[in-house]
């Protein structure tokens, strides 16, 4: 569902480099993307999303990608995550990031593995601003 009342400025930069002189040639690339969202009623800052990914494709077909995704959100009103369980997020500024590594083995190999690992962080006391309501015994039913 599109958000009403916002203006978005986007930027995207990408590059690729093929190295055939190496014994197991590969293609390295990166891309950097930023989206800055502001409110149309005065231009106040609303959100910012930043992605930086660096994928590598080996000559064998193995694919490896590492990256960082960061965002900043400003909530002016209480945001409901789950109305049935009454889980809400208090107004405020929230910064978070996630780092990851993804790999996919050679798909033409008899046995190939793939997976993803990552970690992230939610900053500025966000965990203390997420609250959960309790259901009464009569409502639990």
Foldseek 3Di string as FASTA:
>chain_A
DDDPQKDKDKDKDKDKDWDPVDPFTKIKMKMKMKMWMAGNPVGHGAKMKIKIKIWMATNLGKIKMKIKIKMKGFAPQWAAPDPVFRKIFHGDIKIKMKIKMWIWARPVDPDIDIDMDIDMDIDDCRVVRIDTDDDDPVRVD
